[in-house]
Amino acid sequence: MHNTAEHDPTKHPLVRITMLGEFVLERLVRTPSRIEDEPPRYARVARSEWSNRGPAMALLKVLLCRANRRASRDELIEAIWPGHEAINAAHALDSAASVLRRHILRTGEVGSLLLTLRSGGDTIFKLAGQQRIWVDADALLSLVSQAMRAECRGQNPIPLLEEAHALVRGEFLEDDLYAEWAQPRRHTLNGARHRVLFKLVDLYLSGERVGVAEELLFAALEEDPADEDALCRLMVLLVEQQRRQEALQLYQYTEDVLQEEQTEPAVYTHELARRIRQGLLLRERGEGYTVAGVQTLFLVGRDAVSRDYGDSFGVKGPRMAITAAPCRGQTPSSYRYCLPRRRSRRQAALSVG
């Protein structure tokens, strides 16, 4: 017997927002469901409907970057209108909140997706949670956390990590790359993206799925040729497959990209390329790849490693495991995430118009 009732709005988010890559807003389409458990349908909100509502969109984005999606009136004014002496910022914020409620986040449902709360004399603005406003960035962080907990319980984290990796479609808030209010969230997400990438690479290598690991690293470099973390991992992987020339070509391309930004590869990256040219040993193998115990002769990082290891890369390096929080008995990671240096063409794109 078919169910002719409409989708229960409590079962599915009323709004979906994509913040990784192109910014996208979608609303739940209210249609009769003929099949039990039929997936919900969402309609994309035309960019023209919100692109000219700058203050309201800034309010939405700032709240989505805040812990628990909430912020005080004063915090929002300082973030959106830092030089607000020339305008009535309080009135501007109220107007932006009204537009956000009535137009951008309108759903036709009872109850607003933007709440105004009073706390100790302060006015607090708060967005609805993930069950009502689904956000890809928050879903990514949740999946990473679930994957690490699954590994701690002895379960396979790969399905969760792959689901998280599938959400990464580009830069976080690519239209607001240098907005100060977005930087803390951007750093958190960039770190999570790197944890997912390198954890999947380690797990694929431990399962002898070298081709899949290589594909992930190539995709990471295609997105950001200046990502020396991914470059070094991929160079070593290629050399182990007797593909030294390919590894050196990748290094040369990254060096060219960095020179465009008037900088150069890190000391370690340069040393790795030198050793590849000279055909020297890059790392010692253990009994094979292991998730938490790759015997590696390098640390991925920006600062000179030679302070700890001198110029000798022929000694055993530390164990390397990319983890968010080590469980009891698990080897802590020696990986230290450093913010990648962005490509100059992105900076140039921002200055256009």
Protein backbone atom coordinates (compact mmCIF):
# COMPACT_ATOMS: atom_id res chain seq x y z
CA MET A 1 0.00 0.00 0.00
CA HIS A 2 1.47 3.34 -1.04
CA ASN A 3 1.91 6.19 1.38
CA THR A 4 0.36 9.38 -0.05
CA ALA A 5 1.38 11.63 2.83
CA GLU A 6 3.83 14.42 2.21
CA HIS A 7 7.43 14.12 3.36
CA ASP A 8 7.63 14.58 7.10
CA PRO A 9 9.74 17.77 7.43
CA THR A 10 11.15 16.51 10.72
CA LYS A 11 12.81 13.58 8.94
CA HIS A 12 14.80 15.62 6.43
CA PRO A 13 16.60 18.97 6.55
CA LEU A 14 14.52 21.84 5.24
CA VAL A 15 17.57 23.52 3.72
CA ARG A 16 20.88 22.17 2.43
CA ILE A 17 23.95 24.39 2.08
CA THR A 18 27.17 23.59 0.23
CA MET A 19 30.17 25.59 1.44
CA LEU A 20 33.00 23.48 0.00
CA GLY A 21 33.48 24.70 -3.54
CA GLU A 22 30.65 26.66 -5.14
CA PHE A 23 28.26 28.06 -2.55
CA VAL A 24 24.87 26.41 -3.08
CA LEU A 25 21.52 26.78 -1.33
CA GLU A 26 18.79 24.15 -1.72
CA ARG A 27 15.29 23.89 -0.28
CA LEU A 28 13.29 20.75 0.44
CA VAL A 29 10.53 20.22 -2.12
CA ARG A 30 7.22 19.33 -0.53
CA THR A 31 5.75 16.58 -2.71
CA PRO A 32 3.47 13.61 -1.91
CA SER A 33 5.52 10.47 -1.36
CA ARG A 34 4.28 7.39 -3.12
CA ILE A 35 6.95 5.04 -1.89
CA GLU A 36 7.92 4.37 1.68
CA ASP A 37 11.34 5.84 2.52
CA GLU A 38 11.58 7.61 -0.82
CA PRO A 39 14.55 10.00 -0.71
CA PRO A 40 13.67 13.69 -0.40
CA ARG A 41 13.96 16.05 -3.33
CA TYR A 42 15.67 19.42 -3.13
CA ALA A 43 15.45 22.41 -5.45
CA ARG A 44 18.44 24.68 -5.92
CA VAL A 45 17.87 28.32 -5.05
CA ALA A 46 18.88 30.50 -7.98
CA ARG A 47 21.97 32.56 -7.29
CA SER A 48 20.11 35.66 -8.43
CA GLU A 49 17.72 35.19 -5.50
CA TRP A 50 20.43 35.74 -2.88
CA SER A 51 23.55 37.16 -4.56
CA ASN A 52 22.28 40.76 -4.22
CA ARG A 53 21.48 40.34 -0.53
CA GLY A 54 25.02 40.87 0.73
CA PRO A 55 24.44 41.66 4.44
CA ALA A 56 21.96 38.80 4.87
CA MET A 57 24.31 36.32 3.18
CA ALA A 58 27.22 37.57 5.27
CA LEU A 59 25.12 37.01 8.40
CA LEU A 60 24.32 33.46 7.28
CA LYS A 61 27.94 32.62 6.51
CA VAL A 62 29.32 34.15 9.70
CA LEU A 63 26.86 32.17 11.83
CA LEU A 64 27.70 28.95 9.97
CA CYS A 65 31.37 29.55 10.80
CA ARG A 66 30.70 30.01 14.51
CA ALA A 67 30.60 27.31 17.18
CA ASN A 68 27.04 26.04 17.57
CA ARG A 69 26.01 28.44 14.77
CA ARG A 70 25.43 31.29 17.21
CA ALA A 71 26.90 34.70 17.91
CA SER A 72 26.01 37.84 19.83
CA ARG A 73 24.82 41.03 18.20
CA ASP A 74 28.13 42.78 18.97
CA GLU A 75 30.19 39.90 17.55
CA LEU A 76 28.19 39.90 14.33
CA ILE A 77 28.43 43.66 13.88
CA GLU A 78 32.20 43.55 14.40
CA ALA A 79 32.57 40.71 11.89
CA ILE A 80 30.30 42.07 9.15
CA TRP A 81 30.80 45.83 9.60
CA PRO A 82 34.21 46.25 11.26
CA GLY A 83 34.25 49.96 10.46
CA HIS A 84 30.66 50.57 11.47
CA GLU A 85 31.03 54.10 12.83
CA ALA A 86 29.62 55.52 9.59
CA ILE A 87 26.42 53.41 9.60
CA ASN A 88 23.70 52.34 11.99
CA ALA A 89 25.07 48.83 12.35
CA ALA A 90 22.40 47.66 14.78
CA HIS A 91 19.64 48.60 12.33
CA ALA A 92 21.60 47.05 9.44
CA LEU A 93 21.93 43.78 11.38
CA ASP A 94 18.20 43.66 12.14
CA SER A 95 17.44 44.27 8.47
CA ALA A 96 19.85 41.53 7.40
CA ALA A 97 18.28 39.09 9.89
CA SER A 98 14.81 39.90 8.55
CA VAL A 99 15.88 39.28 4.95
CA LEU A 100 17.59 36.05 5.96
CA ARG A 101 14.46 34.77 7.71
CA ARG A 102 11.85 35.86 5.18
CA HIS A 103 13.64 35.27 1.91
CA ILE A 104 16.82 33.23 1.98
CA LEU A 105 15.80 30.67 4.63
CA ARG A 106 12.07 30.71 3.98
CA THR A 107 10.64 27.20 3.93
CA GLY A 108 6.89 27.55 4.46
CA GLU A 109 7.20 25.58 7.69
CA VAL A 110 6.15 26.70 11.14
CA GLY A 111 9.09 28.10 13.07
CA SER A 112 12.07 30.12 11.93
CA LEU A 113 15.46 28.70 10.98
CA LEU A 114 17.05 31.82 12.52
CA LEU A 115 16.32 32.40 16.19
CA THR A 116 16.82 35.54 18.26
CA LEU A 117 17.61 34.78 21.90
CA ARG A 118 18.19 36.88 25.01
CA SER A 119 21.00 35.93 27.36
CA GLY A 120 22.27 38.11 30.21
CA GLY A 121 21.20 41.28 28.50
CA ASP A 122 22.80 40.27 25.20
CA THR A 123 20.97 39.51 21.97
CA ILE A 124 22.04 36.20 20.45
CA PHE A 125 21.38 35.09 16.88
CA LYS A 126 21.32 31.34 16.34
CA LEU A 127 20.74 29.17 13.27
CA ALA A 128 18.91 25.85 13.42
CA GLY A 129 21.06 22.73 13.73
CA GLN A 130 22.16 20.12 11.21
CA GLN A 131 18.82 18.29 11.29
CA ARG A 132 17.06 21.34 9.83
CA ILE A 133 19.89 23.10 7.99
CA TRP A 134 22.31 20.51 6.58
CA VAL A 135 25.78 21.89 5.81
CA ASP A 136 28.43 19.89 3.96
CA ALA A 137 31.31 21.31 6.03
CA ASP A 138 29.68 20.21 9.28
CA ALA A 139 28.90 16.80 7.78
CA LEU A 140 32.58 16.42 6.85
CA LEU A 141 33.77 17.14 10.38
CA SER A 142 31.16 14.76 11.83
CA LEU A 143 32.24 11.93 9.49
CA VAL A 144 35.90 12.42 10.38
CA SER A 145 35.05 12.20 14.07
CA GLN A 146 32.94 9.07 13.49
CA ALA A 147 35.76 7.47 11.49
CA MET A 148 38.30 8.03 14.24
CA ARG A 149 35.94 6.64 16.87
CA ALA A 150 35.26 3.62 14.66
CA GLU A 151 38.99 2.95 14.38
CA CYS A 152 39.35 3.23 18.14
CA ARG A 153 36.73 0.49 18.46
CA GLY A 154 38.63 -1.73 16.03
CA GLN A 155 36.20 -1.12 13.16
CA ASN A 156 37.05 -0.28 9.56
CA PRO A 157 37.04 3.54 9.14
CA ILE A 158 37.44 3.51 5.35
CA PRO A 159 33.71 3.82 4.41
CA LEU A 160 33.29 6.87 6.66
CA LEU A 161 36.54 8.43 5.44
CA GLU A 162 35.55 7.88 1.81
CA GLU A 163 32.17 9.49 2.46
CA ALA A 164 33.93 12.45 4.04
CA HIS A 165 36.38 12.73 1.16
CA ALA A 166 33.51 12.75 -1.34
CA LEU A 167 32.22 15.96 0.27
CA VAL A 168 35.43 17.83 -0.54
CA ARG A 169 34.64 19.59 -3.81
CA GLY A 170 36.77 22.69 -3.47
CA GLU A 171 37.82 25.54 -1.21
CA PHE A 172 35.72 26.38 1.82
CA LEU A 173 33.76 29.57 1.03
CA GLU A 174 35.75 30.20 -2.13
CA ASP A 175 34.08 33.61 -2.54
CA ASP A 176 35.34 34.69 0.89
CA LEU A 177 38.90 33.34 0.88
CA TYR A 178 40.37 36.16 2.93
CA ALA A 179 37.46 37.13 5.17
CA GLU A 180 38.79 37.21 8.74
CA TRP A 181 35.61 35.73 10.23
CA ALA A 182 36.01 32.62 8.05
CA GLN A 183 39.64 31.81 8.89
CA PRO A 184 39.20 29.74 12.11
CA ARG A 185 36.64 27.49 10.41
CA ARG A 186 38.76 27.32 7.26
CA HIS A 187 41.80 26.15 9.23
CA THR A 188 39.74 23.49 11.00
CA LEU A 189 38.35 22.17 7.73
CA ASN A 190 41.71 22.24 5.94
CA GLY A 191 43.18 20.19 8.77
CA ALA A 192 40.30 17.73 8.58
CA ARG A 193 40.67 17.43 4.82
CA HIS A 194 44.35 16.60 5.19
CA ARG A 195 43.65 14.05 7.91
CA VAL A 196 41.12 12.33 5.66
CA LEU A 197 43.46 12.38 2.67
CA PHE A 198 46.55 11.01 4.41
CA LYS A 199 44.63 8.53 6.52
CA LEU A 200 43.00 7.10 3.41
CA VAL A 201 46.39 6.97 1.67
CA ASP A 202 47.87 5.02 4.59
CA LEU A 203 44.91 2.64 4.76
CA TYR A 204 44.96 2.03 1.00
CA LEU A 205 48.69 1.36 1.09
CA SER A 206 48.28 -1.03 4.02
CA GLY A 207 45.74 -2.92 1.91
CA GLU A 208 48.10 -2.88 -1.10
CA ARG A 209 45.78 -0.57 -3.04
CA VAL A 210 48.67 1.53 -4.27
CA GLY A 211 46.85 2.77 -7.37
CA VAL A 212 43.96 4.20 -5.35
CA ALA A 213 46.35 5.93 -2.93
CA GLU A 214 48.26 7.40 -5.86
CA GLU A 215 45.02 8.66 -7.42
CA LEU A 216 44.10 10.50 -4.21
CA LEU A 217 47.47 12.23 -4.04
CA PHE A 218 47.37 13.24 -7.70
CA ALA A 219 43.90 14.73 -7.20
CA ALA A 220 45.13 16.69 -4.16
CA LEU A 221 48.03 18.14 -6.16
CA GLU A 222 45.77 18.98 -9.08
CA GLU A 223 43.63 21.06 -6.73
CA ASP A 224 46.61 22.69 -5.03
CA PRO A 225 50.01 22.25 -6.72
CA ALA A 226 51.63 24.07 -3.80
CA ASP A 227 50.61 21.39 -1.29
CA GLU A 228 54.07 20.08 -0.42
CA ASP A 229 52.65 17.52 2.01
CA ALA A 230 50.86 15.70 -0.80
CA LEU A 231 53.77 16.28 -3.18
CA CYS A 232 56.31 14.59 -0.91
CA ARG A 233 54.09 11.58 -0.24
CA LEU A 234 53.43 11.16 -3.96
CA MET A 235 57.09 11.59 -4.95
CA VAL A 236 58.16 8.80 -2.61
CA LEU A 237 55.34 6.58 -3.85
CA LEU A 238 56.33 7.12 -7.48
CA VAL A 239 60.01 6.45 -6.82
CA GLU A 240 59.14 3.15 -5.17
CA GLN A 241 57.49 2.23 -8.48
CA GLN A 242 60.64 3.19 -10.44
CA ARG A 243 58.97 6.38 -11.74
CA ARG A 244 61.68 8.85 -10.75
CA GLN A 245 61.30 11.10 -13.78
CA GLU A 246 57.60 11.53 -13.11
CA ALA A 247 58.33 12.40 -9.48
CA LEU A 248 60.87 15.03 -10.52
CA GLN A 249 58.45 16.54 -13.06
CA LEU A 250 55.89 16.98 -10.29
CA TYR A 251 58.50 18.66 -8.11
CA GLN A 252 59.48 21.01 -10.93
CA TYR A 253 55.84 22.01 -11.48
CA THR A 254 55.33 22.77 -7.79
CA GLU A 255 58.59 24.73 -7.72
CA ASP A 256 57.36 26.83 -10.66
CA VAL A 257 54.03 27.50 -8.93
CA LEU A 258 55.79 28.60 -5.74
CA GLN A 259 58.18 30.85 -7.66
CA GLU A 260 55.15 32.63 -9.11
CA GLU A 261 54.29 33.50 -5.52
CA GLN A 262 57.87 34.67 -4.95
CA THR A 263 58.69 31.80 -2.62
CA GLU A 264 60.32 28.39 -2.93
CA PRO A 265 59.87 24.79 -1.77
CA ALA A 266 60.64 23.95 1.84
CA VAL A 267 64.12 22.70 2.69
CA TYR A 268 62.93 19.15 3.10
CA THR A 269 61.05 19.09 -0.21
CA HIS A 270 64.17 20.36 -1.98
CA GLU A 271 66.31 17.72 -0.25
CA LEU A 272 63.88 14.98 -1.23
CA ALA A 273 64.09 16.02 -4.89
CA ARG A 274 67.91 16.13 -4.67
CA ARG A 275 68.07 12.60 -3.32
CA ILE A 276 65.74 11.38 -6.05
CA ARG A 277 67.99 12.92 -8.72
CA GLN A 278 71.02 11.21 -7.17
CA GLY A 279 69.24 7.87 -6.82
CA LEU A 280 69.70 7.76 -3.04
CA LEU A 281 67.62 5.82 -0.53
CA LEU A 282 64.43 7.64 0.42
CA ARG A 283 63.07 5.43 3.17
CA GLU A 284 63.41 2.00 4.66
CA ARG A 285 60.56 -0.44 4.31
CA GLY A 286 59.31 -2.46 7.21
CA GLU A 287 57.38 -5.65 6.56
CA GLY A 288 55.04 -3.65 4.34
CA TYR A 289 52.71 -0.74 4.74
CA THR A 290 50.92 -0.52 8.03
CA VAL A 291 48.28 1.98 9.03
CA ALA A 292 50.13 3.24 12.11
CA GLY A 293 53.64 2.11 11.39
CA VAL A 294 55.04 3.11 8.02
CA GLN A 295 58.80 3.12 8.42
CA THR A 296 59.46 6.47 6.81
CA LEU A 297 62.56 8.55 6.47
CA PHE A 298 60.80 11.88 6.33
CA LEU A 299 58.50 14.15 8.24
CA VAL A 300 56.03 16.21 6.26
CA GLY A 301 56.40 19.81 7.31
CA ARG A 302 57.59 23.23 6.28
CA ASP A 303 60.54 23.78 8.60
CA ALA A 304 63.94 22.25 8.10
CA VAL A 305 64.04 18.69 9.34
CA SER A 306 67.83 18.70 9.14
CA ARG A 307 67.98 20.19 12.63
CA ASP A 308 66.89 16.81 14.02
CA TYR A 309 68.32 14.51 11.39
CA GLY A 310 71.19 16.52 9.92
CA ASP A 311 71.70 15.78 6.24
CA SER A 312 71.35 12.06 6.77
CA PHE A 313 68.11 10.51 5.56
CA GLY A 314 69.51 7.01 5.87
CA VAL A 315 68.31 6.49 9.41
CA LYS A 316 65.00 5.19 10.54
CA GLY A 317 62.44 7.95 10.76
CA PRO A 318 59.54 8.12 13.19
CA ARG A 319 56.36 6.18 12.81
CA MET A 320 53.69 8.09 11.00
CA ALA A 321 49.94 7.77 11.46
CA ILE A 322 47.43 10.44 10.57
CA THR A 323 44.96 10.50 13.44
CA ALA A 324 42.70 13.11 15.01
CA ALA A 325 43.10 11.84 18.57
CA PRO A 326 45.09 8.68 19.41
CA CYS A 327 43.24 5.96 21.28
CA ARG A 328 44.80 4.10 24.15
CA GLY A 329 47.69 2.06 22.84
CA GLN A 330 47.69 3.87 19.49
CA THR A 331 50.88 5.56 18.30
CA PRO A 332 50.41 9.35 18.15
CA SER A 333 50.87 10.95 14.76
CA SER A 334 54.06 12.78 13.88
CA TYR A 335 52.21 14.55 11.09
CA ARG A 336 51.83 18.29 11.71
CA TYR A 337 49.43 20.11 9.44
CA CYS A 338 50.69 23.41 8.04
CA LEU A 339 48.47 25.74 6.06
CA PRO A 340 49.16 25.27 2.34
CA ARG A 341 50.34 28.27 0.44
CA ARG A 342 47.63 29.29 -1.97
CA ARG A 343 48.11 29.65 -5.68
CA SER A 344 48.69 33.12 -6.99
CA ARG A 345 45.99 32.78 -9.62
CA ARG A 346 43.42 32.53 -6.84
CA GLN A 347 44.64 35.80 -5.40
CA ALA A 348 44.53 37.37 -8.85
CA ALA A 349 40.95 36.19 -9.34
CA LEU A 350 39.89 37.99 -6.18
CA SER A 351 41.18 41.33 -7.42
CA VAL A 352 39.17 41.15 -10.66
CA GLY A 353 36.13 43.43 -10.49
